Amino acid sequence: MDKYYKPSGKFSLIFIFYFLLVSVTAFPLLGLLYAYCIWYIPFVYINFFITMGFGFLVGFVIALFVIKKGKVRNPLLGLIIGLTAAFFALYLHWAIWIDLVINAGESYGSERIGITVSNIEFLQVFSLIFRPDLVLEYISQVNEYGTWGIRGATASGAFLWVVWSIEFIIVIAISGFLSYLEAKKPFSESTNSWYEEMVLPAFSYIDNQQQMIADILGSNYAGFDLLSKSIDSKTDNHSIFTLYKSKSGKNYLSIDNKTSKIDDKGNITFDSDQIVEYITINSQLSKLLLDK
């Protein structure tokens, strides 16, 4: 019996249908939302988080509706799908944003901060989408003159190319990573379905990680009796067990340690340390964990 889950590398061609479906429904809406947020929120630092959110939403849509429904259990293919999706979603965003530039109207505010009123023309956006040469030409013109600034200085030229490159890397990296992770998750070839993913209530922190792994591999479950749920997962160090169950009989387990830390403002955050991922367990350990 394999000690750890390994993706089969298989996939269903139905994923192509789901990819095309989200490309003409979800991505235009996300591109529209992203373009308007970037246009009307004149704070560069906030825009950084908006960009991360856009990448996350693109990756989430791909993971849920393309990887999962398309039954893609090939991590490399999942990564390629995620990267392709992010590239296309960004292109749609650029077409919409360029149209906002074309239709820009009155500006309000000061030299340091302000907004310019604009709204898209849908037919114009539609025509731009099918003219990538025009989109690239407008992008080049925007880069030359700039449309926004920092501390009174207009961003343009090489600096603006760097900003756009960072934006591109953030979006495709997040989308690709989420899609890759989804395609790695346990899938039952015998039942042709994904395993049921169950995140269990927090347990006490695991100090001896190697012993925990050895106990699981050796079917020695005495140490699990020491696991306690008498902790505050909002403040204390703890561990998170994710159980993957299937009617096929095999079960898998992933375990992460969460170490608390306090920042300068007194807020508590957690560093995550993965102990083991997708290790094979039997029904006895599954029941033990669920009954604790």
C-alpha atoms as a PDB file:
ATOM      1  CA  MET A   1       0.000   0.000   0.000  1.00  0.00           C
ATOM      2  CA  ASP A   2       1.312   3.443  -0.916  1.00  0.00           C
ATOM      3  CA  LYS A   3       2.265   5.489   2.134  1.00  0.00           C
ATOM      4  CA  TYR A   4       1.247   8.783   0.544  1.00  0.00           C
ATOM      5  CA  TYR A   5      -1.294   9.860  -2.043  1.00  0.00           C
ATOM      6  CA  LYS A   6       0.052  10.446  -5.543  1.00  0.00           C
ATOM      7  CA  PRO A   7      -2.098  12.096  -8.240  1.00  0.00           C
ATOM      8  CA  SER A   8      -2.799   9.799 -11.167  1.00  0.00           C
ATOM      9  CA  GLY A   9      -2.081  12.532 -13.705  1.00  0.00           C
ATOM     10  CA  LYS A  10      -5.408  11.886 -15.421  1.00  0.00           C
ATOM     11  CA  PHE A  11      -8.025  14.439 -16.407  1.00  0.00           C
ATOM     12  CA  SER A  12     -11.369  14.715 -18.140  1.00  0.00           C
ATOM     13  CA  LEU A  13     -11.650  16.758 -21.340  1.00  0.00           C
ATOM     14  CA  ILE A  14     -14.812  18.302 -19.882  1.00  0.00           C
ATOM     15  CA  PHE A  15     -12.467  20.757 -18.132  1.00  0.00           C
ATOM     16  CA  ILE A  16     -12.155  22.570 -21.490  1.00  0.00           C
ATOM     17  CA  PHE A  17     -15.892  23.269 -21.491  1.00  0.00           C
ATOM     18  CA  TYR A  18     -15.763  24.611 -17.923  1.00  0.00           C
ATOM     19  CA  PHE A  19     -12.726  26.751 -18.777  1.00  0.00           C
ATOM     20  CA  LEU A  20     -14.522  28.311 -21.750  1.00  0.00           C
ATOM     21  CA  LEU A  21     -17.635  28.828 -19.617  1.00  0.00           C
ATOM     22  CA  VAL A  22     -15.846  30.791 -16.873  1.00  0.00           C
ATOM     23  CA  SER A  23     -13.862  32.671 -19.519  1.00  0.00           C
ATOM     24  CA  VAL A  24     -17.034  34.234 -20.947  1.00  0.00           C
ATOM     25  CA  THR A  25     -18.906  34.642 -17.651  1.00  0.00           C
ATOM     26  CA  ALA A  26     -16.784  34.988 -14.512  1.00  0.00           C
ATOM     27  CA  PHE A  27     -13.615  36.505 -15.972  1.00  0.00           C
ATOM     28  CA  PRO A  28     -15.299  39.491 -17.689  1.00  0.00           C
ATOM     29  CA  LEU A  29     -17.105  40.290 -14.412  1.00  0.00           C
ATOM     30  CA  LEU A  30     -13.912  39.961 -12.365  1.00  0.00           C
ATOM     31  CA  GLY A  31     -11.995  42.043 -14.920  1.00  0.00           C
ATOM     32  CA  LEU A  32     -14.690  44.731 -14.777  1.00  0.00           C
ATOM     33  CA  LEU A  33     -14.662  44.800 -10.963  1.00  0.00           C
ATOM     34  CA  TYR A  34     -10.864  44.905 -10.829  1.00  0.00           C
ATOM     35  CA  ALA A  35     -10.618  47.674 -13.424  1.00  0.00           C
ATOM     36  CA  TYR A  36     -13.120  49.900 -11.608  1.00  0.00           C
ATOM     37  CA  CYS A  37     -11.473  49.280  -8.225  1.00  0.00           C
ATOM     38  CA  ILE A  38      -8.039  50.186  -9.594  1.00  0.00           C
ATOM     39  CA  TRP A  39      -9.471  53.234 -11.355  1.00  0.00           C
ATOM     40  CA  TYR A  40     -11.495  54.701  -8.504  1.00  0.00           C
ATOM     41  CA  ILE A  41      -9.308  53.807  -5.507  1.00  0.00           C
ATOM     42  CA  PRO A  42      -6.347  56.215  -5.699  1.00  0.00           C
ATOM     43  CA  PHE A  43      -4.230  54.490  -3.052  1.00  0.00           C
ATOM     44  CA  VAL A  44      -1.321  52.463  -4.428  1.00  0.00           C
ATOM     45  CA  TYR A  45      -0.875  50.394  -1.276  1.00  0.00           C
ATOM     46  CA  ILE A  46      -4.549  49.413  -1.199  1.00  0.00           C
ATOM     47  CA  ASN A  47      -4.368  48.568  -4.898  1.00  0.00           C
ATOM     48  CA  PHE A  48      -1.626  46.053  -4.063  1.00  0.00           C
ATOM     49  CA  PHE A  49      -4.097  44.089  -1.917  1.00  0.00           C
ATOM     50  CA  ILE A  50      -6.801  44.503  -4.567  1.00  0.00           C
ATOM     51  CA  THR A  51      -4.419  42.890  -7.064  1.00  0.00           C
ATOM     52  CA  MET A  52      -3.848  39.977  -4.689  1.00  0.00           C
ATOM     53  CA  GLY A  53      -7.608  39.643  -4.261  1.00  0.00           C
ATOM     54  CA  PHE A  54      -8.085  39.570  -8.024  1.00  0.00           C
ATOM     55  CA  GLY A  55      -5.495  36.805  -8.370  1.00  0.00           C
ATOM     56  CA  PHE A  56      -7.143  34.854  -5.567  1.00  0.00           C
ATOM     57  CA  LEU A  57     -10.613  35.143  -7.133  1.00  0.00           C
ATOM     58  CA  VAL A  58      -9.344  34.012 -10.540  1.00  0.00           C
ATOM     59  CA  GLY A  59      -7.545  31.069  -8.926  1.00  0.00           C
ATOM     60  CA  PHE A  60     -10.585  30.219  -6.792  1.00  0.00           C
ATOM     61  CA  VAL A  61     -12.901  30.165  -9.819  1.00  0.00           C
ATOM     62  CA  ILE A  62     -10.490  27.953 -11.757  1.00  0.00           C
ATOM     63  CA  ALA A  63      -9.935  25.588  -8.817  1.00  0.00           C
ATOM     64  CA  LEU A  64     -13.652  25.222  -8.089  1.00  0.00           C
ATOM     65  CA  PHE A  65     -15.216  25.173 -11.545  1.00  0.00           C
ATOM     66  CA  VAL A  66     -12.435  23.896 -13.829  1.00  0.00           C
ATOM     67  CA  ILE A  67     -10.071  21.724 -11.784  1.00  0.00           C
ATOM     68  CA  LYS A  68     -12.681  20.255  -9.452  1.00  0.00           C
ATOM     69  CA  LYS A  69     -15.618  19.859 -11.847  1.00  0.00           C
ATOM     70  CA  GLY A  70     -13.289  18.953 -14.721  1.00  0.00           C
ATOM     71  CA  LYS A  71     -11.687  16.277 -12.505  1.00  0.00           C
ATOM     72  CA  VAL A  72      -8.158  17.420 -13.298  1.00  0.00           C
ATOM     73  CA  ARG A  73      -5.810  15.386 -11.086  1.00  0.00           C
ATOM     74  CA  ASN A  74      -2.670  16.372 -12.930  1.00  0.00           C
ATOM     75  CA  PRO A  75      -0.882  19.105 -10.908  1.00  0.00           C
ATOM     76  CA  LEU A  76       1.229  20.283 -13.860  1.00  0.00           C
ATOM     77  CA  LEU A  77      -1.861  20.627 -16.049  1.00  0.00           C
ATOM     78  CA  GLY A  78      -3.603  22.381 -13.153  1.00  0.00           C
ATOM     79  CA  LEU A  79      -0.742  24.869 -12.954  1.00  0.00           C
ATOM     80  CA  ILE A  80      -0.892  25.513 -16.720  1.00  0.00           C
ATOM     81  CA  ILE A  81      -4.661  26.030 -16.576  1.00  0.00           C
ATOM     82  CA  GLY A  82      -4.281  28.463 -13.668  1.00  0.00           C
ATOM     83  CA  LEU A  83      -1.582  30.464 -15.453  1.00  0.00           C
ATOM     84  CA  THR A  84      -3.568  30.576 -18.696  1.00  0.00           C
ATOM     85  CA  ALA A  85      -6.695  31.697 -16.870  1.00  0.00           C
ATOM     86  CA  ALA A  86      -4.833  34.483 -15.063  1.00  0.00           C
ATOM     87  CA  PHE A  87      -3.294  35.708 -18.319  1.00  0.00           C
ATOM     88  CA  PHE A  88      -6.693  35.823 -20.045  1.00  0.00           C
ATOM     89  CA  ALA A  89      -8.443  37.436 -17.067  1.00  0.00           C
ATOM     90  CA  LEU A  90      -5.722  40.096 -16.942  1.00  0.00           C
ATOM     91  CA  TYR A  91      -6.111  40.732 -20.663  1.00  0.00           C
ATOM     92  CA  LEU A  92      -9.857  41.301 -20.216  1.00  0.00           C
ATOM     93  CA  HIS A  93      -9.078  43.639 -17.315  1.00  0.00           C
ATOM     94  CA  TRP A  94      -6.648  45.596 -19.492  1.00  0.00           C
ATOM     95  CA  ALA A  95      -9.206  45.975 -22.293  1.00  0.00           C
ATOM     96  CA  ILE A  96     -11.749  47.337 -19.803  1.00  0.00           C
ATOM     97  CA  TRP A  97      -9.213  49.582 -18.058  1.00  0.00           C
ATOM     98  CA  ILE A  98      -7.993  51.009 -21.371  1.00  0.00           C
ATOM     99  CA  ASP A  99     -11.595  51.854 -22.234  1.00  0.00           C
ATOM    100  CA  LEU A 100     -11.839  53.735 -18.939  1.00  0.00           C
ATOM    101  CA  VAL A 101      -8.746  55.683 -19.998  1.00  0.00           C
ATOM    102  CA  ILE A 102     -10.274  56.469 -23.399  1.00  0.00           C
ATOM    103  CA  ASN A 103     -13.497  57.729 -21.808  1.00  0.00           C
ATOM    104  CA  ALA A 104     -11.867  59.631 -18.945  1.00  0.00           C
ATOM    105  CA  GLY A 105     -13.711  62.815 -17.979  1.00  0.00           C
ATOM    106  CA  GLU A 106     -13.385  65.395 -15.204  1.00  0.00           C
ATOM    107  CA  SER A 107     -10.779  65.002 -12.453  1.00  0.00           C
ATOM    108  CA  TYR A 108     -11.379  65.848  -8.804  1.00  0.00           C
ATOM    109  CA  GLY A 109      -8.978  66.224  -5.908  1.00  0.00           C
ATOM    110  CA  SER A 110      -5.509  67.672  -5.451  1.00  0.00           C
ATOM    111  CA  GLU A 111      -2.146  67.164  -7.114  1.00  0.00           C
ATOM    112  CA  ARG A 112      -1.281  64.559  -4.482  1.00  0.00           C
ATOM    113  CA  ILE A 113      -4.492  62.547  -4.607  1.00  0.00           C
ATOM    114  CA  GLY A 114      -7.624  62.571  -6.750  1.00  0.00           C
ATOM    115  CA  ILE A 115      -9.883  60.602  -9.066  1.00  0.00           C
ATOM    116  CA  THR A 116     -10.969  60.948 -12.678  1.00  0.00           C
ATOM    117  CA  VAL A 117     -14.549  60.124 -13.558  1.00  0.00           C
ATOM    118  CA  SER A 118     -14.965  57.549 -16.308  1.00  0.00           C
ATOM    119  CA  ASN A 119     -17.262  54.791 -17.453  1.00  0.00           C
ATOM    120  CA  ILE A 120     -16.852  52.117 -20.076  1.00  0.00           C
ATOM    121  CA  GLU A 121     -18.738  51.779 -23.345  1.00  0.00           C
ATOM    122  CA  PHE A 122     -19.570  48.107 -23.681  1.00  0.00           C
ATOM    123  CA  LEU A 123     -19.426  47.964 -27.486  1.00  0.00           C
ATOM    124  CA  GLN A 124     -16.067  49.710 -27.411  1.00  0.00           C
ATOM    125  CA  VAL A 125     -14.744  47.216 -24.835  1.00  0.00           C
ATOM    126  CA  PHE A 126     -16.062  44.339 -26.926  1.00  0.00           C
ATOM    127  CA  SER A 127     -14.206  45.628 -29.989  1.00  0.00           C
ATOM    128  CA  LEU A 128     -11.000  46.142 -27.978  1.00  0.00           C
ATOM    129  CA  ILE A 129     -11.060  42.561 -26.709  1.00  0.00           C
ATOM    130  CA  PHE A 130     -10.810  41.328 -30.291  1.00  0.00           C
ATOM    131  CA  ARG A 131      -8.045  43.815 -31.147  1.00  0.00           C
ATOM    132  CA  PRO A 132      -5.042  42.887 -28.973  1.00  0.00           C
ATOM    133  CA  ASP A 133      -2.860  45.047 -31.227  1.00  0.00           C
ATOM    134  CA  LEU A 134      -4.887  48.128 -30.237  1.00  0.00           C
ATOM    135  CA  VAL A 135      -4.808  47.166 -26.572  1.00  0.00           C
ATOM    136  CA  LEU A 136      -1.010  46.874 -26.701  1.00  0.00           C
ATOM    137  CA  GLU A 137      -0.769  50.202 -28.541  1.00  0.00           C
ATOM    138  CA  TYR A 138      -2.873  51.975 -25.909  1.00  0.00           C
ATOM    139  CA  ILE A 139      -0.869  50.341 -23.108  1.00  0.00           C
ATOM    140  CA  SER A 140       2.311  51.704 -24.680  1.00  0.00           C
ATOM    141  CA  GLN A 141       0.797  55.199 -24.891  1.00  0.00           C
ATOM    142  CA  VAL A 142      -0.399  55.067 -21.281  1.00  0.00           C
ATOM    143  CA  ASN A 143       3.075  53.982 -20.215  1.00  0.00           C
ATOM    144  CA  GLU A 144       4.597  56.968 -21.998  1.00  0.00           C
ATOM    145  CA  TYR A 145       2.367  59.599 -20.385  1.00  0.00           C
ATOM    146  CA  GLY A 146       1.007  57.865 -17.253  1.00  0.00           C
ATOM    147  CA  THR A 147      -2.433  58.172 -15.639  1.00  0.00           C
ATOM    148  CA  TRP A 148      -1.643  58.132 -11.911  1.00  0.00           C
ATOM    149  CA  GLY A 149       1.110  59.257  -9.607  1.00  0.00           C
ATOM    150  CA  ILE A 150       2.777  58.909  -6.226  1.00  0.00           C
ATOM    151  CA  ARG A 151       3.345  62.007  -4.059  1.00  0.00           C
ATOM    152  CA  GLY A 152       2.600  64.329  -6.917  1.00  0.00           C
ATOM    153  CA  ALA A 153       4.862  62.571  -9.470  1.00  0.00           C
ATOM    154  CA  THR A 154       3.219  60.814 -12.417  1.00  0.00           C
ATOM    155  CA  ALA A 155       4.198  57.161 -12.797  1.00  0.00           C
ATOM    156  CA  SER A 156       5.383  56.393 -16.315  1.00  0.00           C
ATOM    157  CA  GLY A 157       8.173  54.784 -18.320  1.00  0.00           C
ATOM    158  CA  ALA A 158      10.382  52.097 -16.798  1.00  0.00           C
ATOM    159  CA  PHE A 159       8.928  52.532 -13.311  1.00  0.00           C
ATOM    160  CA  LEU A 160       5.389  51.899 -14.573  1.00  0.00           C
ATOM    161  CA  TRP A 161       6.555  48.817 -16.505  1.00  0.00           C
ATOM    162  CA  VAL A 162       7.976  47.471 -13.248  1.00  0.00           C
ATOM    163  CA  VAL A 163       4.682  48.111 -11.425  1.00  0.00           C
ATOM    164  CA  TRP A 164       2.709  46.363 -14.153  1.00  0.00           C
ATOM    165  CA  SER A 165       5.168  43.450 -14.177  1.00  0.00           C
ATOM    166  CA  ILE A 166       4.741  43.000 -10.420  1.00  0.00           C
ATOM    167  CA  GLU A 167       0.964  43.076 -10.880  1.00  0.00           C
ATOM    168  CA  PHE A 168       1.235  40.419 -13.603  1.00  0.00           C
ATOM    169  CA  ILE A 169       3.464  38.170 -11.497  1.00  0.00           C
ATOM    170  CA  ILE A 170       1.187  38.450  -8.440  1.00  0.00           C
ATOM    171  CA  VAL A 171      -1.964  37.510 -10.331  1.00  0.00           C
ATOM    172  CA  ILE A 172      -0.569  34.588 -12.328  1.00  0.00           C
ATOM    173  CA  ALA A 173       1.402  33.254  -9.336  1.00  0.00           C
ATOM    174  CA  ILE A 174      -1.631  33.159  -7.040  1.00  0.00           C
ATOM    175  CA  SER A 175      -3.938  31.734  -9.701  1.00  0.00           C
ATOM    176  CA  GLY A 176      -1.418  29.109 -10.814  1.00  0.00           C
ATOM    177  CA  PHE A 177      -0.602  28.087  -7.240  1.00  0.00           C
ATOM    178  CA  LEU A 178      -4.250  27.647  -6.210  1.00  0.00           C
ATOM    179  CA  SER A 179      -4.986  25.586  -9.311  1.00  0.00           C
ATOM    180  CA  TYR A 180      -1.885  23.455  -8.732  1.00  0.00           C
ATOM    181  CA  LEU A 181      -2.888  22.773  -5.113  1.00  0.00           C
ATOM    182  CA  GLU A 182      -6.439  21.794  -6.112  1.00  0.00           C
ATOM    183  CA  ALA A 183      -5.199  19.285  -8.701  1.00  0.00           C
ATOM    184  CA  LYS A 184      -2.964  17.674  -6.025  1.00  0.00           C
ATOM    185  CA  LYS A 185      -5.845  16.828  -3.706  1.00  0.00           C
ATOM    186  CA  PRO A 186      -6.837  13.173  -3.254  1.00  0.00           C
ATOM    187  CA  PHE A 187      -9.102  11.730  -5.932  1.00  0.00           C
ATOM    188  CA  SER A 188     -10.591   8.226  -5.955  1.00  0.00           C
ATOM    189  CA  GLU A 189     -10.106   6.624  -9.350  1.00  0.00           C
ATOM    190  CA  SER A 190     -12.355   3.706  -8.356  1.00  0.00           C
ATOM    191  CA  THR A 191     -15.350   5.931  -7.549  1.00  0.00           C
ATOM    192  CA  ASN A 192     -14.382   8.677 -10.033  1.00  0.00           C
ATOM    193  CA  SER A 193     -14.849  11.371  -7.398  1.00  0.00           C
ATOM    194  CA  TRP A 194     -12.858  13.689  -5.150  1.00  0.00           C
ATOM    195  CA  TYR A 195     -12.303  12.694  -1.552  1.00  0.00           C
ATOM    196  CA  GLU A 196     -14.450  14.430   1.055  1.00  0.00           C
ATOM    197  CA  GLU A 197     -12.267  17.050   2.746  1.00  0.00           C
ATOM    198  CA  MET A 198     -12.874  17.517   6.471  1.00  0.00           C
ATOM    199  CA  VAL A 199     -10.976  20.080   8.563  1.00  0.00           C
ATOM    200  CA  LEU A 200     -11.158  18.799  12.138  1.00  0.00           C
ATOM    201  CA  PRO A 201     -11.350  20.987  15.258  1.00  0.00           C
ATOM    202  CA  ALA A 202      -7.951  22.221  16.444  1.00  0.00           C
ATOM    203  CA  PHE A 203      -5.815  19.832  18.499  1.00  0.00           C
ATOM    204  CA  SER A 204      -2.879  20.536  20.785  1.00  0.00           C
ATOM    205  CA  TYR A 205       0.476  21.509  19.277  1.00  0.00           C
ATOM    206  CA  ILE A 206       2.648  18.600  18.065  1.00  0.00           C
ATOM    207  CA  ASP A 207       6.201  18.891  19.386  1.00  0.00           C
ATOM    208  CA  ASN A 208       7.663  15.617  18.084  1.00  0.00           C
ATOM    209  CA  GLN A 209       6.687  15.769  14.433  1.00  0.00           C
ATOM    210  CA  GLN A 210       8.835  12.872  13.220  1.00  0.00           C
ATOM    211  CA  GLN A 211       7.429  10.593  15.915  1.00  0.00           C
ATOM    212  CA  MET A 212       3.904  11.528  14.824  1.00  0.00           C
ATOM    213  CA  ILE A 213       4.675  10.520  11.235  1.00  0.00           C
ATOM    214  CA  ALA A 214       6.351   7.284  12.383  1.00  0.00           C
ATOM    215  CA  ASP A 215       3.325   6.421  14.534  1.00  0.00           C
ATOM    216  CA  ILE A 216       0.970   6.887  11.595  1.00  0.00           C
ATOM    217  CA  LEU A 217       3.111   4.785   9.266  1.00  0.00           C
ATOM    218  CA  GLY A 218       3.444   2.087  11.944  1.00  0.00           C
ATOM    219  CA  SER A 219      -0.267   2.132  12.851  1.00  0.00           C
ATOM    220  CA  ASN A 220       0.699   2.992  16.427  1.00  0.00           C
ATOM    221  CA  TYR A 221      -2.087   5.219  17.627  1.00  0.00           C
ATOM    222  CA  ALA A 222      -1.358   5.332  21.362  1.00  0.00           C
ATOM    223  CA  GLY A 223       0.178   8.793  21.027  1.00  0.00           C
ATOM    224  CA  PHE A 224      -3.054  10.178  19.603  1.00  0.00           C
ATOM    225  CA  ASP A 225      -4.704   9.743  22.997  1.00  0.00           C
ATOM    226  CA  LEU A 226      -2.523  12.633  24.175  1.00  0.00           C
ATOM    227  CA  LEU A 227      -4.020  15.011  21.618  1.00  0.00           C
ATOM    228  CA  SER A 228      -6.265  17.511  23.323  1.00  0.00           C
ATOM    229  CA  LYS A 229      -8.947  19.889  22.066  1.00  0.00           C
ATOM    230  CA  SER A 230      -8.796  21.917  25.298  1.00  0.00           C
ATOM    231  CA  ILE A 231      -7.052  24.851  23.625  1.00  0.00           C
ATOM    232  CA  ASP A 232      -7.969  28.259  22.302  1.00  0.00           C
ATOM    233  CA  SER A 233      -7.173  28.139  18.590  1.00  0.00           C
ATOM    234  CA  LYS A 234      -7.406  31.945  18.414  1.00  0.00           C
ATOM    235  CA  THR A 235      -4.453  32.474  20.767  1.00  0.00           C
ATOM    236  CA  ASP A 236      -2.639  29.192  21.509  1.00  0.00           C
ATOM    237  CA  ASN A 237      -0.206  27.139  19.466  1.00  0.00           C
ATOM    238  CA  HIS A 238      -2.173  24.254  17.963  1.00  0.00           C
ATOM    239  CA  SER A 239      -2.330  21.704  15.159  1.00  0.00           C
ATOM    240  CA  ILE A 240      -4.821  21.322  12.338  1.00  0.00           C
ATOM    241  CA  PHE A 241      -5.770  17.876  11.001  1.00  0.00           C
ATOM    242  CA  THR A 242      -7.396  17.682   7.549  1.00  0.00           C
ATOM    243  CA  LEU A 243      -8.996  14.321   6.846  1.00  0.00           C
ATOM    244  CA  TYR A 244      -9.766  13.096   3.330  1.00  0.00           C
ATOM    245  CA  LYS A 245     -12.430  10.371   3.256  1.00  0.00           C
ATOM    246  CA  SER A 246     -13.738   8.226   0.417  1.00  0.00           C
ATOM    247  CA  LYS A 247     -16.088   5.291  -0.095  1.00  0.00           C
ATOM    248  CA  SER A 248     -13.180   3.503  -1.767  1.00  0.00           C
ATOM    249  CA  GLY A 249     -11.835   2.575   1.674  1.00  0.00           C
ATOM    250  CA  LYS A 250      -8.570   4.506   1.663  1.00  0.00           C
ATOM    251  CA  ASN A 251      -8.272   7.668   3.725  1.00  0.00           C
ATOM    252  CA  TYR A 252      -5.592  10.351   3.794  1.00  0.00           C
ATOM    253  CA  LEU A 253      -4.470  12.871   6.382  1.00  0.00           C
ATOM    254  CA  SER A 254      -2.636  16.196   6.318  1.00  0.00           C
ATOM    255  CA  ILE A 255      -1.342  17.845   9.502  1.00  0.00           C
ATOM    256  CA  ASP A 256      -0.139  21.409  10.080  1.00  0.00           C
ATOM    257  CA  ASN A 257       1.284  23.039  13.194  1.00  0.00           C
ATOM    258  CA  LYS A 258       0.131  26.610  13.870  1.00  0.00           C
ATOM    259  CA  THR A 259       2.548  28.732  15.921  1.00  0.00           C
ATOM    260  CA  SER A 260       1.192  31.978  17.346  1.00  0.00           C
ATOM    261  CA  LYS A 261       3.081  35.271  17.287  1.00  0.00           C
ATOM    262  CA  ILE A 262       2.229  38.820  18.313  1.00  0.00           C
ATOM    263  CA  ASP A 263       2.973  41.757  16.015  1.00  0.00           C
ATOM    264  CA  ASP A 264       3.880  45.327  16.988  1.00  0.00           C
ATOM    265  CA  LYS A 265       0.199  46.251  17.329  1.00  0.00           C
ATOM    266  CA  GLY A 266      -0.556  43.349  19.663  1.00  0.00           C
ATOM    267  CA  ASN A 267      -2.427  41.331  17.042  1.00  0.00           C
ATOM    268  CA  ILE A 268      -2.026  37.549  17.125  1.00  0.00           C
ATOM    269  CA  THR A 269      -1.168  35.777  13.872  1.00  0.00           C
ATOM    270  CA  PHE A 270      -0.030  32.229  13.136  1.00  0.00           C
ATOM    271  CA  ASP A 271       2.900  30.748  11.237  1.00  0.00           C
ATOM    272  CA  SER A 272       2.021  27.475   9.538  1.00  0.00           C
ATOM    273  CA  ASP A 273       4.388  24.491   9.461  1.00  0.00           C
ATOM    274  CA  GLN A 274       3.260  21.481   7.462  1.00  0.00           C
ATOM    275  CA  ILE A 275       4.076  18.232   9.269  1.00  0.00           C
ATOM    276  CA  VAL A 276       2.766  15.809   6.660  1.00  0.00           C
ATOM    277  CA  GLU A 277       0.568  15.946   3.557  1.00  0.00           C
ATOM    278  CA  TYR A 278      -1.776  13.256   2.221  1.00  0.00           C
ATOM    279  CA  ILE A 279      -0.384  10.377   4.293  1.00  0.00           C
ATOM    280  CA  THR A 280      -2.368   7.136   4.045  1.00  0.00           C
ATOM    281  CA  ILE A 281      -4.331   6.142   7.159  1.00  0.00           C
ATOM    282  CA  ASN A 282      -6.768   3.347   7.914  1.00  0.00           C
ATOM    283  CA  SER A 283     -10.381   3.528   9.041  1.00  0.00           C
ATOM    284  CA  GLN A 284      -9.342   2.942  12.672  1.00  0.00           C
ATOM    285  CA  LEU A 285      -7.385   6.205  12.869  1.00  0.00           C
ATOM    286  CA  SER A 286     -10.098   8.046  10.948  1.00  0.00           C
ATOM    287  CA  LYS A 287     -12.672   6.967  13.508  1.00  0.00           C
ATOM    288  CA  LEU A 288     -10.345   7.799  16.402  1.00  0.00           C
ATOM    289  CA  LEU A 289      -9.850  11.358  15.152  1.00  0.00           C
ATOM    290  CA  LEU A 290     -13.533  11.901  14.387  1.00  0.00           C
ATOM    291  CA  ASP A 291     -14.574  10.597  17.826  1.00  0.00           C
ATOM    292  CA  LYS A 292     -12.148  12.743  19.841  1.00  0.00           C
END
